[in-house]
Each structure stands twice: as structure tokens, then as C-alpha cells.
Amino acid sequence: MKKNLPIFSYLFHPLFISMYASLFYLFFKGDAFVNQEKFFILFQILIITVLVPMLFFLLLRSTGNVDSVMIHETSQRKIPLVLHCFLIILLVKRSVVIVRYPELHFFFLGALFSTIIALVLSFFKIKASLHMIAISGLTIFAIGLSRHLQVPNMIYWVAFFILINGFVASSRLEMNAHTNKELVIGLLIGVIPQLLFVFFWL
């Protein structure tokens, strides 16, 4: 089992969490949107939150500013986190607008605040687990949607995400990427902004 734990660090890399949250949201609110709109918004989110950061990572690695897709060093996180902030701002202002996608809009705002906190902490050389920030934020979003939409089988997804939190945390420990303290800091940074913003749409 320990040999398989690192898989969770890649499957639930922070880059992919926005897509998972969007797919989860659109699936359970499927009747509110036509398929063409779903594909269009997912395509925009894919470009802004996955493809652009990946291309930027390749640029940073080629210039020696980062050495791994996991970005282990706190000093290497500043540029990627600043970029992530700008990309989320672009997304909530142009694509995931509050009028059309209120729940998803506030999820991204929560993610923005989590990213800003992680960025500020990096200037004080405090390392928070970005993986835990991402997966815990997604979990709170899933819990909020479950209560908001009152769909019976969503509770299984909530349980799944809670379980994945444990696997991701264990994965980061197994890879010697974080200490317990860094995982807890990441968990709090992911949970608190989402809890604050969930009250705007719950």
C-alpha cells in the first residue's frame, strides 16, 4: 500500500482540483446547463487552471526557477502562486461569473484567498501543503453543495473526498514532502476560506 501512496499526490495534484470541482458541480447541477455550455466552461477552466500553469511550469523549469512539478522548495513557490492568483481572478471575472455559476464562483474565490495566504506564508518561509489546501477546499465545496442541492447520493462523494484527504496527506508524508505541521497548516488554509465563502451561497 505504501508503494502506491505517491499516486495520490499526482492524481490529486493542486493543478487538477479546479477541474474536479467544476466537473462535480456541473454534474450535480446538470439540469441547469445545456451540454454545449458545460463543455465550453470546462474548456475555459482547463485552459486557465491546467494548461497555462503547465506551460508556465515548463518555462520556469527550463530557466532553473523550479526543479519539480511538486515544487518542494518554499522559495520556488512564489512565482507559481502569483500566477495562480492572476489566473483565478481572470476566471472569476470573465468565465465563472457569479450571475451564472454562483456556487462555483465562490469556490474559486475561496481558492484565491487560500492561494494568497499560502503566498504570504512563503515570504515568511512557512511551508504549507498545497495538496492539502486544494483537496480540503474541494471537500468543503462538496459538503456545501451536498447540503445546498439536497441530492441523496452526494453524501457518498463527500465521504469519498474526506477519505481522499487522508490518502493525500499520507502520500505527502510517504514522499517526505511535508511534515505533519505543514499538512495541518495546508488543511486550515484550504478549509477556512471555503467555509467563509460557503455562507454566501448556501
N, C-alpha and C. Protein backbone atom coordinates (compact mmCIF):
# COMPACT_ATOMS: atom_id res chain seq x y z
N MET A 1 0.83 -1.21 0.00
CA MET A 1 0.00 0.00 0.00
C MET A 1 0.86 1.26 0.00
N LYS A 2 1.95 1.24 0.79
CA LYS A 2 2.82 2.41 0.87
C LYS A 2 3.42 2.76 -0.48
N LYS A 3 3.70 1.73 -1.28
CA LYS A 3 4.29 1.95 -2.60
C LYS A 3 3.33 2.69 -3.52
N ASN A 4 2.03 2.51 -3.27
CA ASN A 4 1.01 3.13 -4.14
C ASN A 4 0.59 4.52 -3.68
N LEU A 5 0.96 4.90 -2.45
CA LEU A 5 0.54 6.19 -1.91
C LEU A 5 0.95 7.39 -2.77
N PRO A 6 2.16 7.43 -3.35
CA PRO A 6 2.54 8.60 -4.17
C PRO A 6 1.60 8.87 -5.34
N ILE A 7 0.86 7.85 -5.76
CA ILE A 7 -0.09 8.03 -6.87
C ILE A 7 -1.09 9.14 -6.53
N PHE A 8 -1.50 9.20 -5.26
CA PHE A 8 -2.50 10.19 -4.85
C PHE A 8 -1.96 11.62 -4.95
N SER A 9 -0.66 11.78 -4.82
CA SER A 9 -0.06 13.12 -4.96
C SER A 9 -0.16 13.62 -6.39
N TYR A 10 -0.17 12.68 -7.33
CA TYR A 10 -0.26 13.05 -8.74
C TYR A 10 -1.71 13.15 -9.21
N LEU A 11 -2.54 12.19 -8.79
CA LEU A 11 -3.95 12.22 -9.18
C LEU A 11 -4.67 13.44 -8.62
N PHE A 12 -4.29 13.84 -7.41
CA PHE A 12 -4.93 14.98 -6.76
C PHE A 12 -3.95 16.13 -6.58
N HIS A 13 -3.14 16.33 -7.62
CA HIS A 13 -2.24 17.48 -7.66
C HIS A 13 -3.10 18.75 -7.68
N PRO A 14 -2.66 19.81 -7.02
CA PRO A 14 -3.44 21.06 -6.99
C PRO A 14 -3.88 21.57 -8.36
N LEU A 15 -3.09 21.28 -9.40
CA LEU A 15 -3.45 21.72 -10.75
C LEU A 15 -4.79 21.15 -11.21
N PHE A 16 -5.12 19.95 -10.76
CA PHE A 16 -6.31 19.27 -11.26
C PHE A 16 -7.56 19.51 -10.42
N ILE A 17 -7.41 20.08 -9.24
CA ILE A 17 -8.54 20.21 -8.32
C ILE A 17 -9.64 21.12 -8.87
N SER A 18 -9.25 22.18 -9.58
CA SER A 18 -10.27 23.08 -10.16
C SER A 18 -11.14 22.34 -11.16
N MET A 19 -10.53 21.46 -11.95
CA MET A 19 -11.30 20.68 -12.91
C MET A 19 -12.20 19.69 -12.20
N TYR A 20 -11.70 19.06 -11.15
CA TYR A 20 -12.53 18.11 -10.40
C TYR A 20 -13.73 18.83 -9.78
N ALA A 21 -13.49 20.00 -9.20
CA ALA A 21 -14.58 20.77 -8.59
C ALA A 21 -15.61 21.18 -9.63
N SER A 22 -15.14 21.59 -10.79
CA SER A 22 -16.04 22.03 -11.87
C SER A 22 -16.86 20.87 -12.41
N LEU A 23 -16.22 19.72 -12.61
CA LEU A 23 -16.93 18.53 -13.08
C LEU A 23 -17.98 18.10 -12.06
N PHE A 24 -17.62 18.12 -10.79
CA PHE A 24 -18.53 17.76 -9.71
C PHE A 24 -19.73 18.69 -9.69
N TYR A 25 -19.46 19.98 -9.81
CA TYR A 25 -20.51 21.00 -9.79
C TYR A 25 -21.46 20.85 -10.99
N LEU A 26 -20.89 20.73 -12.19
CA LEU A 26 -21.70 20.66 -13.40
C LEU A 26 -22.49 19.36 -13.47
N PHE A 27 -21.93 18.29 -12.92
CA PHE A 27 -22.63 17.00 -12.94
C PHE A 27 -23.89 17.07 -12.06
N PHE A 28 -23.75 17.62 -10.85
CA PHE A 28 -24.88 17.63 -9.94
C PHE A 28 -25.85 18.79 -10.19
N LYS A 29 -25.41 19.78 -10.94
CA LYS A 29 -26.34 20.84 -11.37
C LYS A 29 -26.57 20.75 -12.86
N GLY A 30 -26.49 19.53 -13.38
CA GLY A 30 -26.55 19.29 -14.82
C GLY A 30 -27.77 19.84 -15.52
N ASP A 31 -28.94 19.77 -14.85
CA ASP A 31 -30.18 20.22 -15.47
C ASP A 31 -30.21 21.72 -15.70
N ALA A 32 -29.34 22.46 -15.03
CA ALA A 32 -29.34 23.92 -15.15
C ALA A 32 -28.57 24.41 -16.39
N PHE A 33 -27.80 23.51 -17.00
CA PHE A 33 -26.96 23.91 -18.14
C PHE A 33 -27.10 22.91 -19.29
N VAL A 34 -27.07 23.43 -20.51
CA VAL A 34 -27.06 22.54 -21.67
C VAL A 34 -25.65 22.01 -21.86
N ASN A 35 -25.51 20.90 -22.57
CA ASN A 35 -24.22 20.25 -22.73
C ASN A 35 -23.18 21.15 -23.38
N GLN A 36 -23.63 21.96 -24.35
CA GLN A 36 -22.70 22.86 -25.03
C GLN A 36 -22.08 23.86 -24.06
N GLU A 37 -22.90 24.37 -23.14
CA GLU A 37 -22.39 25.31 -22.14
C GLU A 37 -21.42 24.62 -21.19
N LYS A 38 -21.74 23.39 -20.81
CA LYS A 38 -20.85 22.63 -19.92
C LYS A 38 -19.47 22.46 -20.54
N PHE A 39 -19.44 22.03 -21.79
CA PHE A 39 -18.16 21.81 -22.47
C PHE A 39 -17.39 23.12 -22.62
N PHE A 40 -18.13 24.19 -22.88
CA PHE A 40 -17.49 25.49 -23.09
C PHE A 40 -16.82 25.99 -21.80
N ILE A 41 -17.54 25.90 -20.69
CA ILE A 41 -16.98 26.40 -19.43
C ILE A 41 -15.85 25.48 -18.94
N LEU A 42 -16.00 24.16 -19.14
CA LEU A 42 -14.94 23.24 -18.75
C LEU A 42 -13.68 23.46 -19.58
N PHE A 43 -13.86 23.78 -20.85
CA PHE A 43 -12.72 24.03 -21.72
C PHE A 43 -11.96 25.27 -21.25
N GLN A 44 -12.70 26.30 -20.87
CA GLN A 44 -12.06 27.52 -20.36
C GLN A 44 -11.30 27.25 -19.07
N ILE A 45 -11.93 26.49 -18.17
CA ILE A 45 -11.29 26.17 -16.89
C ILE A 45 -10.06 25.31 -17.11
N LEU A 46 -10.14 24.37 -18.05
CA LEU A 46 -9.00 23.52 -18.38
C LEU A 46 -7.81 24.34 -18.87
N ILE A 47 -8.08 25.29 -19.74
CA ILE A 47 -7.00 26.12 -20.29
C ILE A 47 -6.38 26.99 -19.20
N ILE A 48 -7.25 27.66 -18.42
CA ILE A 48 -6.76 28.65 -17.45
C ILE A 48 -6.11 28.01 -16.22
N THR A 49 -6.66 26.89 -15.74
CA THR A 49 -6.15 26.33 -14.49
C THR A 49 -5.20 25.15 -14.66
N VAL A 50 -5.15 24.57 -15.86
CA VAL A 50 -4.29 23.41 -16.07
C VAL A 50 -3.23 23.67 -17.14
N LEU A 51 -3.67 23.98 -18.35
CA LEU A 51 -2.73 24.08 -19.46
C LEU A 51 -1.77 25.27 -19.34
N VAL A 52 -2.31 26.45 -19.02
CA VAL A 52 -1.43 27.62 -18.86
C VAL A 52 -0.42 27.42 -17.73
N PRO A 53 -0.84 26.96 -16.53
CA PRO A 53 0.15 26.71 -15.48
C PRO A 53 1.20 25.66 -15.87
N MET A 54 0.78 24.63 -16.62
CA MET A 54 1.75 23.60 -17.04
C MET A 54 2.78 24.17 -18.00
N LEU A 55 2.34 24.99 -18.92
CA LEU A 55 3.28 25.62 -19.85
C LEU A 55 4.21 26.57 -19.10
N PHE A 56 3.64 27.28 -18.14
CA PHE A 56 4.45 28.20 -17.34
C PHE A 56 5.47 27.44 -16.50
N PHE A 57 5.05 26.26 -16.00
CA PHE A 57 5.97 25.43 -15.23
C PHE A 57 7.15 24.98 -16.10
N LEU A 58 6.87 24.58 -17.33
CA LEU A 58 7.95 24.16 -18.24
C LEU A 58 8.93 25.31 -18.48
N LEU A 59 8.38 26.52 -18.58
CA LEU A 59 9.23 27.69 -18.76
C LEU A 59 10.10 27.92 -17.52
N LEU A 60 9.49 27.83 -16.34
CA LEU A 60 10.23 28.03 -15.09
C LEU A 60 11.29 26.95 -14.89
N ARG A 61 10.97 25.72 -15.26
CA ARG A 61 11.95 24.65 -15.10
C ARG A 61 13.12 24.82 -16.06
N SER A 62 12.82 25.28 -17.27
CA SER A 62 13.89 25.48 -18.25
C SER A 62 14.83 26.61 -17.84
N THR A 63 14.31 27.55 -17.03
CA THR A 63 15.15 28.66 -16.57
C THR A 63 15.74 28.40 -15.18
N GLY A 64 15.44 27.23 -14.62
CA GLY A 64 16.01 26.85 -13.33
C GLY A 64 15.30 27.43 -12.12
N ASN A 65 14.10 27.99 -12.32
CA ASN A 65 13.37 28.58 -11.20
C ASN A 65 12.60 27.55 -10.37
N VAL A 66 12.28 26.41 -10.97
CA VAL A 66 11.68 25.29 -10.24
C VAL A 66 12.38 24.02 -10.70
N ASP A 67 12.40 23.01 -9.83
CA ASP A 67 13.07 21.77 -10.20
C ASP A 67 12.15 20.56 -10.21
N SER A 68 10.89 20.76 -9.79
CA SER A 68 9.96 19.64 -9.75
C SER A 68 8.54 20.14 -9.86
N VAL A 69 7.66 19.30 -10.43
CA VAL A 69 6.26 19.67 -10.56
C VAL A 69 5.59 19.77 -9.18
N MET A 70 6.20 19.17 -8.16
CA MET A 70 5.68 19.24 -6.80
C MET A 70 6.12 20.52 -6.07
N ILE A 71 7.09 21.22 -6.61
CA ILE A 71 7.61 22.48 -6.05
C ILE A 71 7.86 22.34 -4.55
N HIS A 72 8.86 21.53 -4.20
CA HIS A 72 9.14 21.24 -2.80
C HIS A 72 9.68 22.45 -2.04
N GLU A 73 10.50 23.27 -2.71
CA GLU A 73 11.14 24.39 -2.02
C GLU A 73 10.19 25.58 -1.89
N THR A 74 10.12 26.14 -0.69
CA THR A 74 9.24 27.29 -0.44
C THR A 74 9.62 28.48 -1.32
N SER A 75 10.91 28.69 -1.53
CA SER A 75 11.39 29.83 -2.33
C SER A 75 10.96 29.73 -3.79
N GLN A 76 10.67 28.51 -4.26
CA GLN A 76 10.28 28.32 -5.66
C GLN A 76 8.77 28.49 -5.87
N ARG A 77 8.02 28.67 -4.79
CA ARG A 77 6.57 28.71 -4.90
C ARG A 77 6.02 30.09 -5.24
N LYS A 78 6.80 31.12 -5.00
CA LYS A 78 6.25 32.47 -5.10
C LYS A 78 5.73 32.80 -6.49
N ILE A 79 6.53 32.56 -7.51
CA ILE A 79 6.10 32.90 -8.88
C ILE A 79 4.88 32.08 -9.30
N PRO A 80 4.89 30.74 -9.11
CA PRO A 80 3.69 29.96 -9.47
C PRO A 80 2.43 30.39 -8.72
N LEU A 81 2.58 30.75 -7.44
CA LEU A 81 1.40 31.16 -6.66
C LEU A 81 0.87 32.51 -7.13
N VAL A 82 1.77 33.43 -7.47
CA VAL A 82 1.33 34.73 -8.01
C VAL A 82 0.59 34.52 -9.33
N LEU A 83 1.14 33.66 -10.18
CA LEU A 83 0.48 33.36 -11.46
C LEU A 83 -0.90 32.77 -11.22
N HIS A 84 -0.97 31.85 -10.25
CA HIS A 84 -2.25 31.19 -9.95
C HIS A 84 -3.29 32.22 -9.49
N CYS A 85 -2.87 33.18 -8.71
CA CYS A 85 -3.79 34.24 -8.26
C CYS A 85 -4.37 35.00 -9.44
N PHE A 86 -3.50 35.41 -10.37
CA PHE A 86 -3.95 36.16 -11.54
C PHE A 86 -4.88 35.33 -12.42
N LEU A 87 -4.59 34.05 -12.56
CA LEU A 87 -5.42 33.18 -13.39
C LEU A 87 -6.80 32.98 -12.78
N ILE A 88 -6.87 32.84 -11.45
CA ILE A 88 -8.17 32.70 -10.79
C ILE A 88 -8.98 33.99 -10.92
N ILE A 89 -8.32 35.12 -10.76
CA ILE A 89 -9.00 36.42 -10.93
C ILE A 89 -9.58 36.53 -12.34
N LEU A 90 -8.79 36.14 -13.34
CA LEU A 90 -9.26 36.15 -14.72
C LEU A 90 -10.48 35.25 -14.87
N LEU A 91 -10.42 34.09 -14.24
CA LEU A 91 -11.50 33.12 -14.36
C LEU A 91 -12.81 33.64 -13.77
N VAL A 92 -12.74 34.21 -12.56
CA VAL A 92 -13.97 34.65 -11.90
C VAL A 92 -14.52 35.94 -12.50
N LYS A 93 -13.68 36.70 -13.18
CA LYS A 93 -14.15 37.94 -13.79
C LYS A 93 -14.70 37.73 -15.20
N ARG A 94 -14.18 36.71 -15.89
CA ARG A 94 -14.54 36.53 -17.30
C ARG A 94 -15.37 35.29 -17.61
N SER A 95 -15.15 34.22 -16.84
CA SER A 95 -15.77 32.95 -17.19
C SER A 95 -16.76 32.46 -16.12
N VAL A 96 -16.26 32.19 -14.94
CA VAL A 96 -17.12 31.65 -13.88
C VAL A 96 -17.73 32.83 -13.11
N VAL A 97 -18.68 33.47 -13.75
CA VAL A 97 -19.27 34.69 -13.19
C VAL A 97 -20.33 34.35 -12.15
N ILE A 98 -20.52 35.24 -11.20
CA ILE A 98 -21.41 34.98 -10.08
C ILE A 98 -22.87 34.86 -10.50
N VAL A 99 -23.26 35.55 -11.56
CA VAL A 99 -24.65 35.54 -12.00
C VAL A 99 -25.05 34.15 -12.52
N ARG A 100 -24.13 33.50 -13.22
CA ARG A 100 -24.43 32.22 -13.87
C ARG A 100 -24.00 31.01 -13.04
N TYR A 101 -22.87 31.11 -12.38
CA TYR A 101 -22.33 29.97 -11.62
C TYR A 101 -21.98 30.41 -10.19
N PRO A 102 -22.96 30.80 -9.39
CA PRO A 102 -22.66 31.39 -8.07
C PRO A 102 -21.84 30.48 -7.16
N GLU A 103 -22.22 29.19 -7.06
CA GLU A 103 -21.52 28.29 -6.15
C GLU A 103 -20.06 28.09 -6.59
N LEU A 104 -19.87 27.86 -7.87
CA LEU A 104 -18.51 27.65 -8.39
C LEU A 104 -17.70 28.93 -8.32
N HIS A 105 -18.35 30.05 -8.51
CA HIS A 105 -17.69 31.36 -8.41
C HIS A 105 -17.08 31.55 -7.01
N PHE A 106 -17.87 31.24 -5.98
CA PHE A 106 -17.37 31.41 -4.61
C PHE A 106 -16.34 30.34 -4.25
N PHE A 107 -16.42 29.17 -4.88
CA PHE A 107 -15.37 28.17 -4.68
C PHE A 107 -14.03 28.72 -5.15
N PHE A 108 -14.03 29.35 -6.32
CA PHE A 108 -12.78 29.90 -6.86
C PHE A 108 -12.31 31.11 -6.05
N LEU A 109 -13.25 31.88 -5.52
CA LEU A 109 -12.84 32.98 -4.63
C LEU A 109 -12.17 32.43 -3.36
N GLY A 110 -12.73 31.36 -2.83
CA GLY A 110 -12.10 30.71 -1.68
C GLY A 110 -10.71 30.21 -2.01
N ALA A 111 -10.59 29.62 -3.21
CA ALA A 111 -9.29 29.13 -3.66
C ALA A 111 -8.30 30.29 -3.83
N LEU A 112 -8.81 31.42 -4.29
CA LEU A 112 -7.96 32.61 -4.44
C LEU A 112 -7.41 33.07 -3.10
N PHE A 113 -8.27 33.14 -2.10
CA PHE A 113 -7.83 33.57 -0.77
C PHE A 113 -6.85 32.56 -0.16
N SER A 114 -7.09 31.27 -0.39
CA SER A 114 -6.16 30.24 0.10
C SER A 114 -4.79 30.41 -0.55
N THR A 115 -4.80 30.70 -1.84
CA THR A 115 -3.54 30.89 -2.58
C THR A 115 -2.79 32.12 -2.07
N ILE A 116 -3.53 33.19 -1.80
CA ILE A 116 -2.90 34.42 -1.28
C ILE A 116 -2.27 34.15 0.08
N ILE A 117 -2.98 33.41 0.94
CA ILE A 117 -2.44 33.09 2.27
C ILE A 117 -1.17 32.25 2.14
N ALA A 118 -1.20 31.25 1.25
CA ALA A 118 -0.02 30.41 1.04
C ALA A 118 1.14 31.24 0.50
N LEU A 119 0.84 32.20 -0.36
CA LEU A 119 1.87 33.08 -0.91
C LEU A 119 2.49 33.95 0.19
N VAL A 120 1.65 34.54 1.02
CA VAL A 120 2.15 35.38 2.12
C VAL A 120 3.03 34.56 3.06
N LEU A 121 2.58 33.35 3.38
CA LEU A 121 3.35 32.48 4.27
C LEU A 121 4.71 32.13 3.67
N SER A 122 4.76 31.99 2.35
CA SER A 122 6.02 31.64 1.70
C SER A 122 7.07 32.73 1.88
N PHE A 123 6.64 33.99 2.00
CA PHE A 123 7.58 35.08 2.23
C PHE A 123 8.17 35.02 3.64
N PHE A 124 7.46 34.33 4.55
CA PHE A 124 7.96 34.13 5.90
C PHE A 124 8.61 32.75 6.05
N LYS A 125 8.82 32.11 4.90
CA LYS A 125 9.44 30.78 4.84
C LYS A 125 8.65 29.74 5.62
N ILE A 126 7.33 29.92 5.62
CA ILE A 126 6.44 28.93 6.21
C ILE A 126 5.84 28.11 5.08
N LYS A 127 6.07 26.83 5.11
CA LYS A 127 5.64 25.94 4.02
C LYS A 127 4.32 25.27 4.38
N ALA A 128 3.33 25.49 3.56
CA ALA A 128 2.04 24.82 3.73
C ALA A 128 1.87 23.81 2.59
N SER A 129 1.21 22.73 2.86
CA SER A 129 0.97 21.73 1.82
C SER A 129 -0.08 22.22 0.83
N LEU A 130 0.36 22.48 -0.40
CA LEU A 130 -0.57 22.93 -1.43
C LEU A 130 -1.56 21.83 -1.80
N HIS A 131 -1.11 20.58 -1.69
CA HIS A 131 -2.01 19.46 -1.94
C HIS A 131 -3.17 19.46 -0.94
N MET A 132 -2.84 19.68 0.33
CA MET A 132 -3.89 19.68 1.35
C MET A 132 -4.79 20.90 1.23
N ILE A 133 -4.23 22.02 0.84
CA ILE A 133 -5.05 23.21 0.59
C ILE A 133 -6.11 22.90 -0.46
N ALA A 134 -5.66 22.27 -1.55
CA ALA A 134 -6.54 22.01 -2.69
C ALA A 134 -7.60 20.97 -2.36
N ILE A 135 -7.19 19.82 -1.83
CA ILE A 135 -8.15 18.74 -1.61
C ILE A 135 -9.12 19.07 -0.46
N SER A 136 -8.65 19.76 0.56
CA SER A 136 -9.55 20.13 1.66
C SER A 136 -10.55 21.19 1.21
N GLY A 137 -10.11 22.11 0.36
CA GLY A 137 -11.02 23.10 -0.19
C GLY A 137 -12.11 22.45 -1.03
N LEU A 138 -11.71 21.47 -1.86
CA LEU A 138 -12.68 20.73 -2.67
C LEU A 138 -13.67 19.98 -1.79
N THR A 139 -13.20 19.43 -0.69
CA THR A 139 -14.06 18.67 0.22
C THR A 139 -15.13 19.57 0.86
N ILE A 140 -14.73 20.75 1.30
CA ILE A 140 -15.70 21.69 1.87
C ILE A 140 -16.71 22.11 0.82
N PHE A 141 -16.24 22.32 -0.40
CA PHE A 141 -17.14 22.68 -1.51
C PHE A 141 -18.16 21.56 -1.74
N ALA A 142 -17.70 20.31 -1.72
CA ALA A 142 -18.60 19.17 -1.91
C ALA A 142 -19.62 19.07 -0.78
N ILE A 143 -19.18 19.31 0.44
CA ILE A 143 -20.10 19.28 1.58
C ILE A 143 -21.15 20.37 1.44
N GLY A 144 -20.70 21.58 1.05
CA GLY A 144 -21.63 22.69 0.86
C GLY A 144 -22.65 22.40 -0.23
N LEU A 145 -22.19 21.84 -1.36
CA LEU A 145 -23.10 21.51 -2.46
C LEU A 145 -24.10 20.43 -2.05
N SER A 146 -23.60 19.46 -1.27
CA SER A 146 -24.47 18.37 -0.82
C SER A 146 -25.63 18.92 0.01
N ARG A 147 -25.31 19.86 0.87
CA ARG A 147 -26.36 20.46 1.71
C ARG A 147 -27.25 21.40 0.89
N HIS A 148 -26.66 22.10 -0.06
CA HIS A 148 -27.38 23.08 -0.86
C HIS A 148 -28.36 22.43 -1.83
N LEU A 149 -27.90 21.37 -2.51
CA LEU A 149 -28.71 20.74 -3.55
C LEU A 149 -29.61 19.63 -3.02
N GLN A 150 -29.27 19.09 -1.84
CA GLN A 150 -30.07 18.02 -1.23
C GLN A 150 -30.23 16.80 -2.15
N VAL A 151 -29.14 16.43 -2.83
CA VAL A 151 -29.14 15.24 -3.67
C VAL A 151 -28.66 14.06 -2.81
N PRO A 152 -29.47 13.00 -2.67
CA PRO A 152 -29.17 11.91 -1.73
C PRO A 152 -27.79 11.26 -1.93
N ASN A 153 -27.43 10.91 -3.17
CA ASN A 153 -26.17 10.16 -3.37
C ASN A 153 -24.92 11.02 -3.30
N MET A 154 -25.08 12.32 -3.09
CA MET A 154 -23.90 13.19 -2.96
C MET A 154 -23.13 12.89 -1.67
N ILE A 155 -23.80 12.32 -0.68
CA ILE A 155 -23.15 12.02 0.59
C ILE A 155 -22.02 11.02 0.40
N TYR A 156 -22.16 10.15 -0.61
CA TYR A 156 -21.09 9.19 -0.89
C TYR A 156 -19.86 9.88 -1.45
N TRP A 157 -20.09 10.92 -2.24
CA TRP A 157 -18.98 11.69 -2.78
C TRP A 157 -18.27 12.46 -1.67
N VAL A 158 -19.05 12.99 -0.75
CA VAL A 158 -18.46 13.70 0.40
C VAL A 158 -17.57 12.75 1.19
N ALA A 159 -18.08 11.54 1.46
CA ALA A 159 -17.30 10.53 2.17
C ALA A 159 -16.03 10.18 1.39
N PHE A 160 -16.16 10.10 0.07
CA PHE A 160 -15.02 9.79 -0.78
C PHE A 160 -13.94 10.86 -0.66
N PHE A 161 -14.35 12.13 -0.73
CA PHE A 161 -13.38 13.23 -0.65
C PHE A 161 -12.71 13.30 0.73
N ILE A 162 -13.48 13.02 1.78
CA ILE A 162 -12.89 13.00 3.12
C ILE A 162 -11.83 11.91 3.20
N LEU A 163 -12.15 10.76 2.62
CA LEU A 163 -11.19 9.65 2.59
C LEU A 163 -9.93 10.02 1.79
N ILE A 164 -10.14 10.71 0.68
CA ILE A 164 -9.02 11.12 -0.18
C ILE A 164 -8.10 12.10 0.55
N ASN A 165 -8.68 12.93 1.44
CA ASN A 165 -7.85 13.82 2.26
C ASN A 165 -6.80 13.02 3.02
N GLY A 166 -7.24 11.92 3.59
CA GLY A 166 -6.32 11.07 4.34
C GLY A 166 -5.26 10.44 3.45
N PHE A 167 -5.67 9.99 2.28
CA PHE A 167 -4.71 9.38 1.36
C PHE A 167 -3.69 10.38 0.85
N VAL A 168 -4.16 11.59 0.55
CA VAL A 168 -3.25 12.63 0.06
C VAL A 168 -2.26 13.01 1.14
N ALA A 169 -2.75 13.18 2.37
CA ALA A 169 -1.85 13.52 3.48
C ALA A 169 -0.82 12.41 3.70
N SER A 170 -1.27 11.16 3.67
CA SER A 170 -0.35 10.03 3.83
C SER A 170 0.65 9.98 2.69
N SER A 171 0.19 10.31 1.49
CA SER A 171 1.07 10.33 0.32
C SER A 171 2.17 11.35 0.46
N ARG A 172 1.82 12.53 0.95
CA ARG A 172 2.82 13.59 1.11
C ARG A 172 3.85 13.22 2.19
N LEU A 173 3.38 12.55 3.24
CA LEU A 173 4.30 12.09 4.29
C LEU A 173 5.20 10.99 3.77
N GLU A 174 4.62 10.07 3.01
CA GLU A 174 5.40 8.96 2.46
C GLU A 174 6.49 9.44 1.52
N MET A 175 6.21 10.54 0.80
CA MET A 175 7.18 11.09 -0.15
C MET A 175 8.16 12.06 0.53
N ASN A 176 8.01 12.20 1.86
CA ASN A 176 8.86 13.12 2.63
C ASN A 176 8.78 14.56 2.10
N ALA A 177 7.60 14.92 1.60
CA ALA A 177 7.40 16.25 1.05
C ALA A 177 6.98 17.25 2.11
N HIS A 178 6.37 16.75 3.19
CA HIS A 178 5.86 17.65 4.24
C HIS A 178 5.97 17.01 5.60
N THR A 179 5.92 17.88 6.60
CA THR A 179 5.79 17.42 7.99
C THR A 179 4.30 17.45 8.36
N ASN A 180 3.98 16.86 9.51
CA ASN A 180 2.58 16.90 9.99
C ASN A 180 2.10 18.34 10.15
N LYS A 181 2.98 19.21 10.64
CA LYS A 181 2.62 20.61 10.84
C LYS A 181 2.26 21.28 9.52
N GLU A 182 3.03 21.02 8.48
CA GLU A 182 2.78 21.63 7.17
C GLU A 182 1.47 21.13 6.57
N LEU A 183 1.14 19.88 6.84
CA LEU A 183 -0.13 19.31 6.36
C LEU A 183 -1.31 19.97 7.07
N VAL A 184 -1.17 20.18 8.37
CA VAL A 184 -2.25 20.82 9.16
C VAL A 184 -2.43 22.27 8.71
N ILE A 185 -1.33 22.97 8.49
CA ILE A 185 -1.41 24.35 8.00
C ILE A 185 -2.13 24.39 6.66
N GLY A 186 -1.77 23.46 5.77
CA GLY A 186 -2.44 23.39 4.47
C GLY A 186 -3.92 23.10 4.59
N LEU A 187 -4.25 22.18 5.50
CA LEU A 187 -5.66 21.84 5.73
C LEU A 187 -6.45 23.06 6.17
N LEU A 188 -5.91 23.81 7.12
CA LEU A 188 -6.61 25.00 7.63
C LEU A 188 -6.75 26.07 6.57
N ILE A 189 -5.69 26.26 5.78
CA ILE A 189 -5.73 27.29 4.72
C ILE A 189 -6.74 26.91 3.65
N GLY A 190 -6.91 25.62 3.42
CA GLY A 190 -7.89 25.19 2.43
C GLY A 190 -9.31 25.27 2.94
N VAL A 191 -9.51 24.93 4.20
CA VAL A 191 -10.86 24.83 4.76
C VAL A 191 -11.46 26.19 5.12
N ILE A 192 -10.71 27.04 5.81
CA ILE A 192 -11.28 28.27 6.36
C ILE A 192 -11.85 29.22 5.31
N PRO A 193 -11.11 29.56 4.23
CA PRO A 193 -11.72 30.44 3.22
C PRO A 193 -12.96 29.84 2.57
N GLN A 194 -12.95 28.53 2.33
CA GLN A 194 -14.13 27.91 1.73
C GLN A 194 -15.32 27.97 2.68
N LEU A 195 -15.08 27.76 3.96
CA LEU A 195 -16.17 27.86 4.95
C LEU A 195 -16.75 29.26 5.00
N LEU A 196 -15.88 30.26 4.91
CA LEU A 196 -16.34 31.65 4.95
C LEU A 196 -17.18 31.98 3.72
N PHE A 197 -16.74 31.53 2.55
CA PHE A 197 -17.45 31.87 1.32
C PHE A 197 -18.69 31.01 1.09
N VAL A 198 -18.75 29.83 1.70
CA VAL A 198 -19.89 28.95 1.50
C VAL A 198 -21.18 29.59 2.01
N PHE A 199 -21.07 30.48 3.00
CA PHE A 199 -22.26 31.13 3.54
C PHE A 199 -22.86 32.16 2.58
N PHE A 200 -22.13 32.52 1.53
CA PHE A 200 -22.69 33.43 0.53
C PHE A 200 -23.66 32.75 -0.42
N TRP A 201 -23.57 31.42 -0.52
CA TRP A 201 -24.46 30.74 -1.46
C TRP A 201 -25.24 29.58 -0.86
N LEU A 202 -24.88 29.18 0.37
CA LEU A 202 -25.58 28.03 0.98
C LEU A 202 -27.02 28.38 1.35
